[in-house]
Structures are given as structure tokens and as C-alpha cells.
C-alpha atoms as a PDB file:
ATOM      1  CA  MET A   1       0.000   0.000   0.000  1.00  0.00           C
ATOM      2  CA  ASN A   2       1.261   3.442  -0.950  1.00  0.00           C
ATOM      3  CA  GLY A   3       1.374   5.682   2.132  1.00  0.00           C
ATOM      4  CA  THR A   4       1.225   8.829   0.022  1.00  0.00           C
ATOM      5  CA  ALA A   5      -1.905   7.582  -1.731  1.00  0.00           C
ATOM      6  CA  LEU A   6      -3.522   6.807   1.630  1.00  0.00           C
ATOM      7  CA  ILE A   7      -2.820  10.282   3.003  1.00  0.00           C
ATOM      8  CA  HIS A   8      -4.102  11.776  -0.233  1.00  0.00           C
ATOM      9  CA  SER A   9      -7.314   9.744   0.095  1.00  0.00           C
ATOM     10  CA  ILE A  10      -7.823  11.051   3.640  1.00  0.00           C
ATOM     11  CA  ILE A  11      -7.414  14.637   2.462  1.00  0.00           C
ATOM     12  CA  ASP A  12      -9.774  14.083  -0.480  1.00  0.00           C
ATOM     13  CA  GLY A  13     -12.261  12.374   1.833  1.00  0.00           C
ATOM     14  CA  ILE A  14     -12.335  15.322   4.222  1.00  0.00           C
ATOM     15  CA  LEU A  15     -12.692  17.835   1.394  1.00  0.00           C
ATOM     16  CA  THR A  16     -15.429  15.860  -0.373  1.00  0.00           C
ATOM     17  CA  GLY A  17     -17.088  14.759   2.859  1.00  0.00           C
ATOM     18  CA  SER A  18     -17.748  18.368   3.812  1.00  0.00           C
ATOM     19  CA  VAL A  19     -19.941  18.772   0.719  1.00  0.00           C
ATOM     20  CA  TYR A  20     -21.870  15.586   1.544  1.00  0.00           C
ATOM     21  CA  ALA A  21     -22.197  16.892   5.105  1.00  0.00           C
ATOM     22  CA  LEU A  22     -23.751  20.085   3.737  1.00  0.00           C
ATOM     23  CA  MET A  23     -26.324  18.150   1.715  1.00  0.00           C
ATOM     24  CA  ALA A  24     -27.050  15.815   4.628  1.00  0.00           C
ATOM     25  CA  THR A  25     -27.489  18.791   6.965  1.00  0.00           C
ATOM     26  CA  GLY A  26     -30.317  20.040   4.761  1.00  0.00           C
ATOM     27  CA  LEU A  27     -31.916  16.607   4.883  1.00  0.00           C
ATOM     28  CA  THR A  28     -31.624  16.266   8.657  1.00  0.00           C
ATOM     29  CA  LEU A  29     -32.902  19.830   9.194  1.00  0.00           C
ATOM     30  CA  ILE A  30     -36.044  18.929   7.264  1.00  0.00           C
ATOM     31  CA  PHE A  31     -36.530  15.790   9.348  1.00  0.00           C
ATOM     32  CA  GLY A  32     -35.838  17.532  12.641  1.00  0.00           C
ATOM     33  CA  VAL A  33     -38.351  20.332  12.097  1.00  0.00           C
ATOM     34  CA  MET A  34     -41.016  18.579  10.029  1.00  0.00           C
ATOM     35  CA  ASN A  35     -40.600  14.898  10.920  1.00  0.00           C
ATOM     36  CA  ILE A  36     -40.422  14.240   7.182  1.00  0.00           C
ATOM     37  CA  ILE A  37     -37.950  11.948   5.435  1.00  0.00           C
ATOM     38  CA  ASN A  38     -37.247  13.627   2.116  1.00  0.00           C
ATOM     39  CA  VAL A  39     -36.132  10.855  -0.211  1.00  0.00           C
ATOM     40  CA  ALA A  40     -36.257  13.402  -3.049  1.00  0.00           C
ATOM     41  CA  GLN A  41     -33.124  15.095  -1.668  1.00  0.00           C
ATOM     42  CA  GLY A  42     -30.959  13.159  -4.120  1.00  0.00           C
ATOM     43  CA  ILE A  43     -32.872  14.283  -7.193  1.00  0.00           C
ATOM     44  CA  PHE A  44     -32.817  17.887  -5.962  1.00  0.00           C
ATOM     45  CA  VAL A  45     -29.014  17.627  -5.826  1.00  0.00           C
ATOM     46  CA  ILE A  46     -29.031  16.444  -9.440  1.00  0.00           C
ATOM     47  CA  LEU A  47     -31.482  19.210 -10.347  1.00  0.00           C
ATOM     48  CA  GLY A  48     -29.024  21.697  -8.860  1.00  0.00           C
ATOM     49  CA  ALA A  49     -26.248  20.145 -10.951  1.00  0.00           C
ATOM     50  CA  TYR A  50     -28.329  20.426 -14.134  1.00  0.00           C
ATOM     51  CA  LEU A  51     -29.233  24.053 -13.382  1.00  0.00           C
ATOM     52  CA  SER A  52     -25.520  24.856 -13.037  1.00  0.00           C
ATOM     53  CA  TYR A  53     -24.893  22.948 -16.279  1.00  0.00           C
ATOM     54  CA  ALA A  54     -27.569  24.920 -18.141  1.00  0.00           C
ATOM     55  CA  LEU A  55     -26.293  28.282 -16.881  1.00  0.00           C
ATOM     56  CA  SER A  56     -22.710  27.358 -17.761  1.00  0.00           C
ATOM     57  CA  VAL A  57     -23.331  25.877 -21.214  1.00  0.00           C
ATOM     58  CA  HIS A  58     -26.095  28.158 -22.503  1.00  0.00           C
ATOM     59  CA  PHE A  59     -25.267  31.458 -20.781  1.00  0.00           C
ATOM     60  CA  GLY A  60     -21.549  31.166 -20.045  1.00  0.00           C
ATOM     61  CA  ILE A  61     -22.063  31.799 -16.323  1.00  0.00           C
ATOM     62  CA  ASP A  62     -19.309  30.553 -14.011  1.00  0.00           C
ATOM     63  CA  LEU A  63     -20.331  27.642 -11.794  1.00  0.00           C
ATOM     64  CA  PHE A  64     -19.804  29.509  -8.521  1.00  0.00           C
ATOM     65  CA  VAL A  65     -21.362  32.727  -9.818  1.00  0.00           C
ATOM     66  CA  GLY A  66     -24.341  30.681 -10.958  1.00  0.00           C
ATOM     67  CA  LEU A  67     -25.043  29.729  -7.341  1.00  0.00           C
ATOM     68  CA  ALA A  68     -26.434  33.239  -6.889  1.00  0.00           C
ATOM     69  CA  ILE A  69     -29.217  32.036  -9.197  1.00  0.00           C
ATOM     70  CA  THR A  70     -29.544  28.333  -8.402  1.00  0.00           C
ATOM     71  CA  ILE A  71     -29.623  28.625  -4.588  1.00  0.00           C
ATOM     72  CA  PRO A  72     -32.569  31.097  -4.509  1.00  0.00           C
ATOM     73  CA  THR A  73     -34.276  29.117  -7.287  1.00  0.00           C
ATOM     74  CA  LEU A  74     -34.166  25.841  -5.385  1.00  0.00           C
ATOM     75  CA  PHE A  75     -35.182  27.640  -2.186  1.00  0.00           C
ATOM     76  CA  LEU A  76     -38.354  28.796  -3.962  1.00  0.00           C
ATOM     77  CA  VAL A  77     -38.871  25.308  -5.422  1.00  0.00           C
ATOM     78  CA  GLY A  78     -38.644  23.904  -1.900  1.00  0.00           C
ATOM     79  CA  ILE A  79     -41.200  26.437  -0.637  1.00  0.00           C
ATOM     80  CA  VAL A  80     -43.657  25.484  -3.399  1.00  0.00           C
ATOM     81  CA  VAL A  81     -43.162  21.733  -2.890  1.00  0.00           C
ATOM     82  CA  GLU A  82     -43.721  22.042   0.858  1.00  0.00           C
ATOM     83  CA  ARG A  83     -46.830  24.208   0.525  1.00  0.00           C
ATOM     84  CA  VAL A  84     -48.445  22.231  -2.293  1.00  0.00           C
ATOM     85  CA  PHE A  85     -47.622  18.663  -1.269  1.00  0.00           C
ATOM     86  CA  LEU A  86     -46.042  18.189   2.155  1.00  0.00           C
ATOM     87  CA  SER A  87     -48.023  20.639   4.289  1.00  0.00           C
ATOM     88  CA  ARG A  88     -51.085  18.488   3.666  1.00  0.00           C
ATOM     89  CA  ILE A  89     -49.516  15.428   5.286  1.00  0.00           C
ATOM     90  CA  LYS A  90     -50.646  15.083   8.895  1.00  0.00           C
ATOM     91  CA  GLY A  91     -51.382  12.451  11.496  1.00  0.00           C
ATOM     92  CA  PRO A  92     -49.501   9.451  12.903  1.00  0.00           C
ATOM     93  CA  GLU A  93     -48.592   8.140   9.433  1.00  0.00           C
ATOM     94  CA  LYS A  94     -46.791  11.360   8.498  1.00  0.00           C
ATOM     95  CA  VAL A  95     -43.316   9.820   8.224  1.00  0.00           C
ATOM     96  CA  VAL A  96     -44.456   6.941   6.023  1.00  0.00           C
ATOM     97  CA  MET A  97     -46.587   9.193   3.838  1.00  0.00           C
ATOM     98  CA  SER A  98     -43.724  11.668   3.461  1.00  0.00           C
ATOM     99  CA  ILE A  99     -41.538   8.907   2.034  1.00  0.00           C
ATOM    100  CA  LEU A 100     -44.185   8.005  -0.538  1.00  0.00           C
ATOM    101  CA  VAL A 101     -44.913  11.620  -1.506  1.00  0.00           C
ATOM    102  CA  THR A 102     -41.273  12.674  -1.819  1.00  0.00           C
ATOM    103  CA  TYR A 103     -40.483   9.484  -3.754  1.00  0.00           C
ATOM    104  CA  ALA A 104     -43.265  10.373  -6.207  1.00  0.00           C
ATOM    105  CA  ILE A 105     -41.844  13.916  -6.487  1.00  0.00           C
ATOM    106  CA  SER A 106     -38.429  12.401  -7.163  1.00  0.00           C
ATOM    107  CA  LEU A 107     -39.788  10.242  -9.992  1.00  0.00           C
ATOM    108  CA  VAL A 108     -41.549  13.212 -11.603  1.00  0.00           C
ATOM    109  CA  ILE A 109     -38.421  15.394 -11.498  1.00  0.00           C
ATOM    110  CA  GLU A 110     -36.303  12.506 -12.804  1.00  0.00           C
ATOM    111  CA  GLY A 111     -38.654  12.047 -15.750  1.00  0.00           C
ATOM    112  CA  ILE A 112     -38.603  15.758 -16.573  1.00  0.00           C
ATOM    113  CA  LEU A 113     -34.789  15.877 -16.406  1.00  0.00           C
ATOM    114  CA  ASN A 114     -34.543  12.844 -18.703  1.00  0.00           C
ATOM    115  CA  MET A 115     -36.825  14.528 -21.239  1.00  0.00           C
ATOM    116  CA  VAL A 116     -34.988  17.855 -21.129  1.00  0.00           C
ATOM    117  CA  PHE A 117     -31.376  16.667 -20.900  1.00  0.00           C
ATOM    118  CA  SER A 118     -31.642  13.010 -22.087  1.00  0.00           C
ATOM    119  CA  VAL A 119     -30.179  10.062 -20.192  1.00  0.00           C
ATOM    120  CA  ASN A 120     -26.623  10.736 -21.362  1.00  0.00           C
ATOM    121  CA  TYR A 121     -24.058  11.525 -18.693  1.00  0.00           C
ATOM    122  CA  VAL A 122     -22.741  15.079 -18.504  1.00  0.00           C
ATOM    123  CA  GLU A 123     -20.124  16.792 -16.356  1.00  0.00           C
ATOM    124  CA  LEU A 124     -19.676  20.412 -15.379  1.00  0.00           C
ATOM    125  CA  GLN A 125     -16.661  22.171 -16.845  1.00  0.00           C
ATOM    126  CA  ALA A 126     -14.630  25.180 -15.690  1.00  0.00           C
ATOM    127  CA  TRP A 127     -10.959  26.100 -15.600  1.00  0.00           C
ATOM    128  CA  TYR A 128     -10.649  24.971 -11.952  1.00  0.00           C
ATOM    129  CA  VAL A 129     -12.279  21.578 -12.490  1.00  0.00           C
ATOM    130  CA  ASP A 130      -9.286  19.950 -14.178  1.00  0.00           C
ATOM    131  CA  ARG A 131      -6.459  21.859 -12.483  1.00  0.00           C
ATOM    132  CA  SER A 132      -4.643  21.138  -9.236  1.00  0.00           C
ATOM    133  CA  VAL A 133      -2.449  23.022  -6.804  1.00  0.00           C
ATOM    134  CA  ARG A 134       0.438  21.615  -4.763  1.00  0.00           C
ATOM    135  CA  VAL A 135      -0.186  21.896  -1.014  1.00  0.00           C
ATOM    136  CA  PHE A 136       2.423  20.515   1.436  1.00  0.00           C
ATOM    137  CA  GLY A 137       3.690  18.159  -1.244  1.00  0.00           C
ATOM    138  CA  TYR A 138       0.256  16.897  -2.346  1.00  0.00           C
ATOM    139  CA  TRP A 139      -1.539  17.808  -5.552  1.00  0.00           C
ATOM    140  CA  LEU A 140      -5.114  18.806  -4.706  1.00  0.00           C
ATOM    141  CA  PRO A 141      -7.759  19.645  -7.318  1.00  0.00           C
ATOM    142  CA  TYR A 142      -8.933  23.245  -7.171  1.00  0.00           C
ATOM    143  CA  ILE A 143     -12.558  22.113  -7.274  1.00  0.00           C
ATOM    144  CA  TYR A 144     -12.112  20.052  -4.089  1.00  0.00           C
ATOM    145  CA  LEU A 145     -10.570  22.994  -2.251  1.00  0.00           C
ATOM    146  CA  LEU A 146     -13.181  25.424  -3.529  1.00  0.00           C
ATOM    147  CA  GLY A 147     -15.961  22.964  -2.709  1.00  0.00           C
ATOM    148  CA  PHE A 148     -14.634  22.592   0.826  1.00  0.00           C
ATOM    149  CA  ALA A 149     -14.466  26.378   1.238  1.00  0.00           C
ATOM    150  CA  LEU A 150     -18.005  26.725  -0.095  1.00  0.00           C
ATOM    151  CA  ALA A 151     -19.300  24.056   2.292  1.00  0.00           C
ATOM    152  CA  VAL A 152     -17.586  25.741   5.259  1.00  0.00           C
ATOM    153  CA  VAL A 153     -19.086  29.127   4.349  1.00  0.00           C
ATOM    154  CA  LEU A 154     -22.607  27.757   3.905  1.00  0.00           C
ATOM    155  CA  LEU A 155     -22.425  25.597   7.026  1.00  0.00           C
ATOM    156  CA  GLY A 156     -21.141  28.616   8.931  1.00  0.00           C
ATOM    157  CA  ALA A 157     -24.060  30.676   7.617  1.00  0.00           C
ATOM    158  CA  LEU A 158     -26.465  27.911   8.637  1.00  0.00           C
ATOM    159  CA  TYR A 159     -24.938  27.789  12.124  1.00  0.00           C
ATOM    160  CA  PHE A 160     -25.214  31.585  12.436  1.00  0.00           C
ATOM    161  CA  MET A 161     -28.840  31.441  11.352  1.00  0.00           C
ATOM    162  CA  LEU A 162     -29.697  28.698  13.860  1.00  0.00           C
ATOM    163  CA  TYR A 163     -27.856  30.059  16.890  1.00  0.00           C
ATOM    164  CA  ARG A 164     -27.532  33.807  16.366  1.00  0.00           C
ATOM    165  CA  THR A 165     -30.877  34.933  14.928  1.00  0.00           C
ATOM    166  CA  ARG A 166     -34.431  35.195  16.176  1.00  0.00           C
ATOM    167  CA  PHE A 167     -35.622  32.926  13.382  1.00  0.00           C
ATOM    168  CA  GLY A 168     -33.009  30.367  14.421  1.00  0.00           C
ATOM    169  CA  ALA A 169     -34.423  30.413  17.953  1.00  0.00           C
ATOM    170  CA  SER A 170     -37.845  29.664  16.445  1.00  0.00           C
ATOM    171  CA  VAL A 171     -36.336  26.791  14.477  1.00  0.00           C
ATOM    172  CA  ARG A 172     -34.652  25.310  17.555  1.00  0.00           C
ATOM    173  CA  ALA A 173     -37.853  25.682  19.564  1.00  0.00           C
ATOM    174  CA  SER A 174     -39.797  23.885  16.823  1.00  0.00           C
ATOM    175  CA  LEU A 175     -37.142  21.168  16.742  1.00  0.00           C
ATOM    176  CA  ALA A 176     -37.477  20.635  20.479  1.00  0.00           C
ATOM    177  CA  ASP A 177     -41.285  20.693  20.797  1.00  0.00           C
ATOM    178  CA  GLN A 178     -43.674  22.010  18.160  1.00  0.00           C
ATOM    179  CA  THR A 179     -46.634  22.220  20.541  1.00  0.00           C
ATOM    180  CA  SER A 180     -44.739  24.307  23.086  1.00  0.00           C
ATOM    181  CA  ALA A 181     -43.329  26.474  20.291  1.00  0.00           C
ATOM    182  CA  ALA A 182     -46.845  27.201  19.015  1.00  0.00           C
ATOM    183  CA  LEU A 183     -48.027  28.074  22.540  1.00  0.00           C
ATOM    184  CA  VAL A 184     -45.393  30.827  22.845  1.00  0.00           C
ATOM    185  CA  GLY A 185     -46.473  32.393  19.565  1.00  0.00           C
ATOM    186  CA  ILE A 186     -44.160  30.756  17.008  1.00  0.00           C
ATOM    187  CA  ASN A 187     -45.734  30.114  13.612  1.00  0.00           C
ATOM    188  CA  VAL A 188     -44.558  26.521  13.286  1.00  0.00           C
ATOM    189  CA  LYS A 189     -46.099  26.156   9.833  1.00  0.00           C
ATOM    190  CA  ASN A 190     -44.071  29.037   8.405  1.00  0.00           C
ATOM    191  CA  VAL A 191     -40.924  27.821  10.165  1.00  0.00           C
ATOM    192  CA  SER A 192     -41.402  24.381   8.627  1.00  0.00           C
ATOM    193  CA  THR A 193     -41.900  25.830   5.154  1.00  0.00           C
ATOM    194  CA  ILE A 194     -38.779  28.007   5.331  1.00  0.00           C
ATOM    195  CA  CYS A 195     -36.688  25.153   6.758  1.00  0.00           C
ATOM    196  CA  PHE A 196     -37.758  22.905   3.894  1.00  0.00           C
ATOM    197  CA  GLY A 197     -36.765  25.650   1.474  1.00  0.00           C
ATOM    198  CA  ILE A 198     -33.358  25.947   3.137  1.00  0.00           C
ATOM    199  CA  GLY A 199     -32.906  22.181   3.111  1.00  0.00           C
ATOM    200  CA  ILE A 200     -33.525  22.139  -0.647  1.00  0.00           C
ATOM    201  CA  ALA A 201     -31.505  25.305  -1.315  1.00  0.00           C
ATOM    202  CA  VAL A 202     -28.267  23.723  -0.076  1.00  0.00           C
ATOM    203  CA  THR A 203     -28.630  21.025  -2.732  1.00  0.00           C
ATOM    204  CA  ALA A 204     -27.815  23.693  -5.339  1.00  0.00           C
ATOM    205  CA  ALA A 205     -24.311  24.043  -3.918  1.00  0.00           C
ATOM    206  CA  GLY A 206     -23.942  20.316  -3.366  1.00  0.00           C
ATOM    207  CA  GLY A 207     -25.181  19.581  -6.865  1.00  0.00           C
ATOM    208  CA  MET A 208     -22.733  21.997  -8.452  1.00  0.00           C
ATOM    209  CA  ILE A 209     -19.752  20.436  -6.678  1.00  0.00           C
ATOM    210  CA  TYR A 210     -21.038  16.917  -7.346  1.00  0.00           C
ATOM    211  CA  GLY A 211     -21.513  17.678 -11.041  1.00  0.00           C
ATOM    212  CA  ALA A 212     -18.008  19.147 -11.310  1.00  0.00           C
ATOM    213  CA  THR A 213     -16.399  16.051  -9.760  1.00  0.00           C
ATOM    214  CA  ASN A 214     -18.609  13.303 -11.232  1.00  0.00           C
ATOM    215  CA  ALA A 215     -20.307  12.542 -14.524  1.00  0.00           C
ATOM    216  CA  PHE A 216     -24.042  12.443 -13.814  1.00  0.00           C
ATOM    217  CA  ASN A 217     -27.522  11.970 -15.197  1.00  0.00           C
ATOM    218  CA  ALA A 218     -30.930  11.918 -13.505  1.00  0.00           C
ATOM    219  CA  SER A 219     -30.456   8.337 -12.289  1.00  0.00           C
ATOM    220  CA  SER A 220     -27.398   9.391 -10.269  1.00  0.00           C
ATOM    221  CA  SER A 221     -29.862  10.541  -7.607  1.00  0.00           C
ATOM    222  CA  TYR A 222     -30.353   6.961  -6.360  1.00  0.00           C
ATOM    223  CA  ASP A 223     -26.741   6.560  -5.295  1.00  0.00           C
ATOM    224  CA  LEU A 224     -26.798  10.030  -3.750  1.00  0.00           C
ATOM    225  CA  ILE A 225     -29.917   9.573  -1.638  1.00  0.00           C
ATOM    226  CA  SER A 226     -28.691   6.205  -0.352  1.00  0.00           C
ATOM    227  CA  ARG A 227     -25.479   7.843   0.861  1.00  0.00           C
ATOM    228  CA  LEU A 228     -27.249  10.841   2.371  1.00  0.00           C
ATOM    229  CA  LEU A 229     -29.720   8.630   4.237  1.00  0.00           C
ATOM    230  CA  VAL A 230     -26.849   6.530   5.590  1.00  0.00           C
ATOM    231  CA  ILE A 231     -25.132   9.711   6.782  1.00  0.00           C
ATOM    232  CA  ILE A 232     -28.143  11.121   8.653  1.00  0.00           C
ATOM    233  CA  VAL A 233     -29.055   7.749  10.163  1.00  0.00           C
ATOM    234  CA  LEU A 234     -25.481   7.178  11.280  1.00  0.00           C
ATOM    235  CA  GLY A 235     -25.180  10.693  12.675  1.00  0.00           C
ATOM    236  CA  GLY A 236     -28.532  10.438  14.432  1.00  0.00           C
ATOM    237  CA  MET A 237     -31.863  11.377  12.846  1.00  0.00           C
ATOM    238  CA  GLY A 238     -32.367  15.092  13.379  1.00  0.00           C
ATOM    239  CA  SER A 239     -28.836  15.706  14.664  1.00  0.00           C
ATOM    240  CA  ILE A 240     -27.196  18.477  12.654  1.00  0.00           C
ATOM    241  CA  GLY A 241     -23.834  17.975  14.346  1.00  0.00           C
ATOM    242  CA  GLY A 242     -24.118  14.256  13.696  1.00  0.00           C
ATOM    243  CA  ALA A 243     -24.779  14.830   9.992  1.00  0.00           C
ATOM    244  CA  LEU A 244     -21.649  16.965   9.738  1.00  0.00           C
ATOM    245  CA  ALA A 245     -19.431  14.448  11.524  1.00  0.00           C
ATOM    246  CA  ALA A 246     -20.899  11.396   9.781  1.00  0.00           C
ATOM    247  CA  GLY A 247     -20.615  12.969   6.331  1.00  0.00           C
ATOM    248  CA  VAL A 248     -16.916  13.680   6.675  1.00  0.00           C
ATOM    249  CA  PHE A 249     -16.224  10.383   8.462  1.00  0.00           C
ATOM    250  CA  MET A 250     -18.024   8.120   5.987  1.00  0.00           C
ATOM    251  CA  ILE A 251     -16.615   9.677   2.807  1.00  0.00           C
ATOM    252  CA  THR A 252     -13.101   9.652   4.277  1.00  0.00           C
ATOM    253  CA  VAL A 253     -13.365   5.993   5.255  1.00  0.00           C
ATOM    254  CA  GLU A 254     -14.759   5.136   1.824  1.00  0.00           C
ATOM    255  CA  ASP A 255     -11.809   6.817   0.094  1.00  0.00           C
ATOM    256  CA  MET A 256      -9.327   5.072   2.400  1.00  0.00           C
ATOM    257  CA  VAL A 257     -10.865   1.653   1.751  1.00  0.00           C
ATOM    258  CA  SER A 258     -10.782   2.351  -1.990  1.00  0.00           C
ATOM    259  CA  VAL A 259      -6.999   2.840  -1.743  1.00  0.00           C
ATOM    260  CA  ILE A 260      -6.332  -0.067   0.645  1.00  0.00           C
ATOM    261  CA  TRP A 261      -8.600  -2.776  -0.799  1.00  0.00           C
ATOM    262  CA  GLY A 262      -9.901  -1.324  -4.052  1.00  0.00           C
ATOM    263  CA  PRO A 263     -12.968   0.610  -5.272  1.00  0.00           C
ATOM    264  CA  VAL A 264     -15.161  -2.505  -5.251  1.00  0.00           C
ATOM    265  CA  TRP A 265     -15.044  -2.633  -1.452  1.00  0.00           C
ATOM    266  CA  SER A 266     -15.533   1.064  -0.756  1.00  0.00           C
ATOM    267  CA  SER A 267     -19.316   1.190  -1.213  1.00  0.00           C
ATOM    268  CA  LEU A 268     -19.784  -2.059   0.727  1.00  0.00           C
ATOM    269  CA  THR A 269     -17.789  -0.654   3.629  1.00  0.00           C
ATOM    270  CA  PHE A 270     -19.985   2.451   3.601  1.00  0.00           C
ATOM    271  CA  PHE A 271     -23.049   0.380   4.516  1.00  0.00           C
ATOM    272  CA  LEU A 272     -21.180  -2.152   6.636  1.00  0.00           C
ATOM    273  CA  ILE A 273     -20.076   0.609   9.025  1.00  0.00           C
ATOM    274  CA  LEU A 274     -23.703   1.708   9.299  1.00  0.00           C
ATOM    275  CA  VAL A 275     -24.842  -1.788  10.297  1.00  0.00           C
ATOM    276  CA  ILE A 276     -22.047  -2.202  12.862  1.00  0.00           C
ATOM    277  CA  ILE A 277     -22.575   1.172  14.545  1.00  0.00           C
ATOM    278  CA  LEU A 278     -26.370   0.924  14.643  1.00  0.00           C
ATOM    279  CA  SER A 279     -26.170  -2.562  16.164  1.00  0.00           C
ATOM    280  CA  VAL A 280     -24.222  -1.015  19.050  1.00  0.00           C
ATOM    281  CA  ARG A 281     -25.877   2.411  19.161  1.00  0.00           C
ATOM    282  CA  PRO A 282     -29.309   2.353  17.435  1.00  0.00           C
ATOM    283  CA  GLN A 283     -29.817   6.119  17.728  1.00  0.00           C
ATOM    284  CA  GLY A 284     -26.644   6.824  15.748  1.00  0.00           C
ATOM    285  CA  ILE A 285     -23.398   8.415  16.888  1.00  0.00           C
ATOM    286  CA  PHE A 286     -24.826  11.757  17.973  1.00  0.00           C
ATOM    287  CA  GLY A 287     -28.522  10.936  18.119  1.00  0.00           C
ATOM    288  CA  LYS A 288     -30.519  10.902  21.326  1.00  0.00           C
ATOM    289  CA  LEU A 289     -33.347   8.528  22.050  1.00  0.00           C
ATOM    290  CA  GLU A 290     -35.380  11.219  23.765  1.00  0.00           C
ATOM    291  CA  ALA A 291     -34.818  14.047  21.259  1.00  0.00           C
ATOM    292  CA  ARG A 292     -34.548  14.692  17.558  1.00  0.00           C
ATOM    293  CA  LEU A 293     -31.889  17.365  17.638  1.00  0.00           C
ATOM    294  CA  ALA A 294     -28.429  17.195  19.176  1.00  0.00           C
END
């Protein structure tokens, strides 16, 4: 085994894992506030990638500049989806029904993307996608470094919103107990709608980075959602800190296994770790049995 390759895989895993952590944070925020499992998160990531592709190819807009368009666009899409479809789901079967509804939404978006862009794989292009910079003796792709920086900025903004703003206090109150939050005057319905919009908005950034580092089509969403669900389950359903830690941890381990034993084993290890940890700690690494947010 090449020690340099192993260290490089760890660095790549941390850089890439931060982007997965960002996407998983949106997913776990939606679950924590709304008690909804959004299995359409994967297709929204791919939608974000295709929006960046369209802006780049047809309008010549830089991938990162295009986020000023795609992030607000997907935020509004999330608002509409929540108001039209998900706000109507109530009662004890809410979690199960949310899976069915969001899966149906995923299929519809996948079909539309296939009609508009075809089933052929595409990849985002920019000058920084294929270039690398030497850092402490290791060649690191610009897109990985820029993606990591973007994830840190957006996660920092999310943290500031949750813990330093009045709206964030409303979100945390809704996460803890929706009934009590409503009794003190918080409009839980509006909080839920905005949180769903935020959870979808972050997929624009994740989709852009994903599309710049992987060839993709609409069907790529299935691999994405499986990974994101593993991350939030492992980190603890509803635990934002857990999603961050699990995202970086799982992608790093996957990259290390790919170097040590080969790519064939990397995906298997991803799910094997989930089974082992949940057999010892069913609530996940950071999850709590008595609460949905850690």
C-alpha cells in the first residue's frame, strides 16, 4: 500500500465529505423540524447540478457565480413543494406518507430531467475543475478545495442562522417541541416551510460540486440519496452535528478503503459501518433517544 496515496485519500475524503455533510445537513434539518424523510433530496441535488450545467453551457455563467441564481431558485422550489404537497400530510402516518410523496416527487423530477437533458451523462466544466495546486507536497484539485471552502461558508451561515438569529431560535424551539413552540407564539407552519426551502436550497451548492467532480444523469440521484440517508441515520436522525461528523467520516473511510482494498469494497464498507454502529448504538453516533436534535 502506498502511504502517500492513503494520506491523499484522507485529504480528499475530508474535502469531499464536507460537501456531503452540507447536503445531509439540509436533509436532517427537514426531518428535525417537520418529521419528514425527504427521499427526493438526491434528485434535488441532481437538479441543482443540471441548473448549473444549463447556466454554464447556454449562458456562459461561471459555476460559482451561478449559485447566486440556483440557490434562490431551489429555495423557492422547496417552498412550493412544501406548501403544495407536504403541508397536507398530517397524522400518525406522516413519516411513512412523506416517504411516498417525496419518492413520487423524485420520480416526476427525474422524468422531466430525462426529457430535457436526455439520459446521457454530462459533467460540469470550468478552468478549476481539471487543475490542481500543490499543497504541502500533495496535488489537490482546485474544485475540491473550492468545494470545501463553499461548504464551510454555507455551514457557517447555517450555524449563524440557527444560533444567532431570532428565526433560528424559532427553528430550535420547533425542533425541540412544536406544541410548546406554538403556545409561545411561534408560527410553526411558516418555520417548517422556510426550513424545507433551506434544506432544498443547499442542494444547489452540493449539486454543483457533485456535477463538477462526477459525470451524472438523472439516475445518479439513487446513489446520492442512499449515501445521504446513511449519513443522517449514522449521525442520528435530526442531529445536525451528527450529519456533519458522519458525512466527513463516511466519505473519508470510503476513500481510504478504496486505496487499501480497491474501489469494489468502498461502497460495501460504507453500509457495513452503518450496520455495525447501529447494532451497538441504534440512535446513531450523535442521536438521542429522547430528542430529535443534538
